[in-house]
Amino acid sequence: MAHPTQAQFFGVQQANLDLFLALVGPLARGAEKISALNMQAVKTSLADTTNYVRESSQQPVGAGMSGLKPELANGFAQKMNAYAGHMNEIFASTGAEFAQEAQRQMSTYAAQAQEAMASFGQNLMSNAGGAFPAAGASAPSWVAAYETAMKPMRDAFEKVMPATAAK
């Protein structure tokens, strides 16, 4: 891979988009699970409230002022504990899935960066006559070798963004 092509340039852009979408996926799935859990909690809460009102309305008037049942408070606490447990499971699984995907993406990125640096080094060496340009008085040879090695990337960028490259 001596010179990056326009297809390779666009491949990098596509890879960045793929990385973004791959990392957003686990977060979106986690948000979907939380939404489903919240909907289930709301439905259960409404059903419990309806049942409580129905049972309270069937009690005789003299049975007490509030008709409060202690077992309902205990049931509510159990449901809150279950809700918190489910929420923790969702957070933990979403975090683990995100971390696994991030690690996979970073491994891929590291391999691509290593390949790009090797390609740059080959271009730099081939344009400098197979040896490192000498420092000091021949610094312009370093600049020339660098400019030649970067030319394919600059050309691809100018084709994509001609207005920006002209500035």
Protein backbone atom coordinates (compact mmCIF):
# COMPACT_ATOMS: atom_id res chain seq x y z
CA MET A 1 0.00 0.00 0.00
CA ALA A 2 2.30 2.73 -1.26
CA HIS A 3 -0.14 5.63 -1.68
CA PRO A 4 -3.56 6.04 -0.11
CA THR A 5 -6.28 6.12 -2.73
CA GLN A 6 -9.53 8.05 -2.70
CA ALA A 7 -11.32 4.78 -1.87
CA GLN A 8 -9.04 4.32 1.14
CA PHE A 9 -9.71 7.89 2.24
CA PHE A 10 -13.45 7.30 2.08
CA GLY A 11 -12.90 3.95 3.79
CA VAL A 12 -11.48 5.80 6.80
CA GLN A 13 -14.54 8.06 6.88
CA GLN A 14 -16.83 5.03 6.66
CA ALA A 15 -14.86 3.34 9.44
CA ASN A 16 -15.40 6.39 11.68
CA LEU A 17 -19.14 6.26 11.03
CA ASP A 18 -19.19 2.50 11.67
CA LEU A 19 -17.32 3.07 14.94
CA PHE A 20 -19.87 5.65 16.05
CA LEU A 21 -22.81 3.41 15.18
CA ALA A 22 -21.21 0.36 16.80
CA LEU A 23 -20.71 2.25 20.06
CA VAL A 24 -24.17 3.83 20.03
CA GLY A 25 -25.83 0.42 19.50
CA PRO A 26 -25.28 -0.94 23.03
CA LEU A 27 -26.40 2.35 24.55
CA ALA A 28 -29.57 2.40 22.45
CA ARG A 29 -30.37 -1.20 23.42
CA GLY A 30 -29.85 -0.29 27.09
CA ALA A 31 -32.17 2.70 26.76
CA GLU A 32 -34.76 0.45 25.11
CA LYS A 33 -34.56 -2.00 28.02
CA ILE A 34 -34.96 0.82 30.54
CA SER A 35 -37.99 2.15 28.64
CA ALA A 36 -39.57 -1.31 28.65
CA LEU A 37 -38.89 -1.70 32.38
CA ASN A 38 -40.41 1.73 33.10
CA MET A 39 -43.51 0.91 31.03
CA GLN A 40 -43.92 -2.35 32.92
CA ALA A 41 -43.51 -0.53 36.26
CA VAL A 42 -46.12 2.08 35.31
CA LYS A 43 -48.61 -0.56 34.16
CA THR A 44 -48.12 -2.55 37.37
CA SER A 45 -48.45 0.57 39.50
CA LEU A 46 -51.68 1.60 37.77
CA ALA A 47 -53.11 -1.90 38.14
CA ASP A 48 -52.21 -2.00 41.85
CA THR A 49 -53.72 1.43 42.43
CA THR A 50 -56.91 0.45 40.64
CA ASN A 51 -57.21 -2.71 42.71
CA TYR A 52 -56.56 -0.78 45.92
CA VAL A 53 -59.25 1.81 45.11
CA ARG A 54 -61.68 -0.94 44.14
CA GLU A 55 -61.08 -2.82 47.41
CA SER A 56 -61.31 0.38 49.48
CA SER A 57 -64.58 1.39 47.87
CA GLN A 58 -66.14 -1.96 48.80
CA GLN A 59 -65.45 -1.57 52.52
CA PRO A 60 -68.26 -0.37 54.79
CA VAL A 61 -68.17 3.30 55.72
CA GLY A 62 -67.54 2.66 59.42
CA ALA A 63 -64.58 0.29 58.81
CA GLY A 64 -62.03 3.03 59.29
CA MET A 65 -61.02 6.37 57.95
CA SER A 66 -58.35 5.37 55.46
CA GLY A 67 -58.76 1.69 54.80
CA LEU A 68 -54.93 1.52 54.63
CA LYS A 69 -53.54 -1.99 54.55
CA PRO A 70 -49.99 -2.53 55.85
CA GLU A 71 -49.42 -5.43 53.45
CA LEU A 72 -49.70 -2.99 50.54
CA ALA A 73 -46.75 -0.98 51.85
CA ASN A 74 -44.70 -4.16 52.14
CA GLY A 75 -45.59 -5.15 48.57
CA PHE A 76 -44.60 -1.71 47.34
CA ALA A 77 -41.16 -2.01 48.97
CA GLN A 78 -40.63 -5.42 47.38
CA LYS A 79 -41.56 -4.04 43.97
CA MET A 80 -39.18 -1.10 44.38
CA ASN A 81 -36.35 -3.50 45.28
CA ALA A 82 -37.13 -5.63 42.24
CA TYR A 83 -37.21 -2.52 40.02
CA ALA A 84 -33.84 -1.35 41.37
CA GLY A 85 -32.38 -4.83 40.79
CA HIS A 86 -33.58 -4.90 37.18
CA MET A 87 -32.23 -1.38 36.61
CA ASN A 88 -28.82 -2.41 37.97
CA GLU A 89 -28.80 -5.46 35.69
CA ILE A 90 -29.53 -3.28 32.68
CA PHE A 91 -26.80 -0.78 33.60
CA ALA A 92 -24.25 -3.54 34.18
CA SER A 93 -25.04 -5.44 30.98
CA THR A 94 -25.12 -2.24 28.90
CA GLY A 95 -21.79 -1.11 30.34
CA ALA A 96 -20.20 -4.51 29.69
CA GLU A 97 -21.53 -4.63 26.13
CA PHE A 98 -20.31 -1.07 25.47
CA ALA A 99 -16.85 -1.84 26.89
CA GLN A 100 -16.57 -5.03 24.83
CA GLU A 101 -17.52 -3.19 21.63
CA ALA A 102 -15.15 -0.31 22.42
CA GLN A 103 -12.30 -2.76 23.00
CA ARG A 104 -13.05 -4.53 19.71
CA GLN A 105 -13.18 -1.22 17.84
CA MET A 106 -9.93 0.01 19.41
CA SER A 107 -8.14 -3.20 18.44
CA THR A 108 -9.27 -2.71 14.86
CA TYR A 109 -8.27 0.95 14.95
CA ALA A 110 -4.82 0.13 16.35
CA ALA A 111 -4.19 -2.33 13.52
CA GLN A 112 -5.30 0.24 10.93
CA ALA A 113 -3.14 2.97 12.49
CA GLN A 114 -0.14 0.64 12.50
CA GLU A 115 -0.70 -0.14 8.82
CA ALA A 116 -1.04 3.57 7.99
CA MET A 117 2.19 4.43 9.82
CA ALA A 118 4.02 1.62 8.03
CA SER A 119 2.74 2.94 4.70
CA PHE A 120 3.81 6.48 5.59
CA GLY A 121 7.24 5.22 6.60
CA GLN A 122 7.64 3.32 3.33
CA ASN A 123 6.63 6.42 1.35
CA LEU A 124 8.99 8.60 3.35
CA MET A 125 11.91 6.22 2.90
CA SER A 126 11.30 5.63 -0.81
CA ASN A 127 11.09 9.37 -1.47
CA ALA A 128 14.28 10.02 0.50
CA GLY A 129 16.34 7.62 -1.59
CA GLY A 130 16.03 4.66 0.79
CA ALA A 131 17.76 6.35 3.72
CA PHE A 132 16.73 8.85 6.33
CA PRO A 133 17.43 12.37 5.15
CA ALA A 134 20.26 13.95 7.08
CA ALA A 135 19.38 16.52 9.70
CA GLY A 136 20.69 20.04 9.82
CA ALA A 137 21.74 21.54 6.52
CA SER A 138 19.67 19.08 4.49
CA ALA A 139 16.45 19.65 6.44
CA PRO A 140 14.72 20.58 3.17
CA SER A 141 15.15 16.93 2.10
CA TRP A 142 13.09 15.93 5.17
CA VAL A 143 10.40 18.39 4.19
CA ALA A 144 10.44 17.20 0.57
CA ALA A 145 10.20 13.55 1.64
CA TYR A 146 7.36 14.35 4.04
CA GLU A 147 5.49 16.41 1.43
CA THR A 148 5.82 13.61 -1.12
CA ALA A 149 4.69 10.99 1.37
CA MET A 150 1.62 13.04 2.33
CA LYS A 151 0.68 14.08 -1.24
CA PRO A 152 -1.79 11.21 -1.88
CA MET A 153 -3.73 12.05 1.29
CA ARG A 154 -3.73 15.76 0.46
CA ASP A 155 -4.93 15.03 -3.10
CA ALA A 156 -7.76 12.84 -1.80
CA PHE A 157 -8.77 15.54 0.67
CA GLU A 158 -8.80 18.20 -2.05
CA LYS A 159 -11.05 16.04 -4.21
CA VAL A 160 -13.51 15.66 -1.34
CA MET A 161 -13.37 19.21 0.02
CA PRO A 162 -12.12 21.53 -2.76
CA ALA A 163 -13.44 24.71 -1.11
CA THR A 164 -11.76 23.94 2.22
CA ALA A 165 -8.46 22.88 0.64
CA ALA A 166 -8.23 26.10 -1.37
CA LYS A 167 -8.31 28.31 1.77
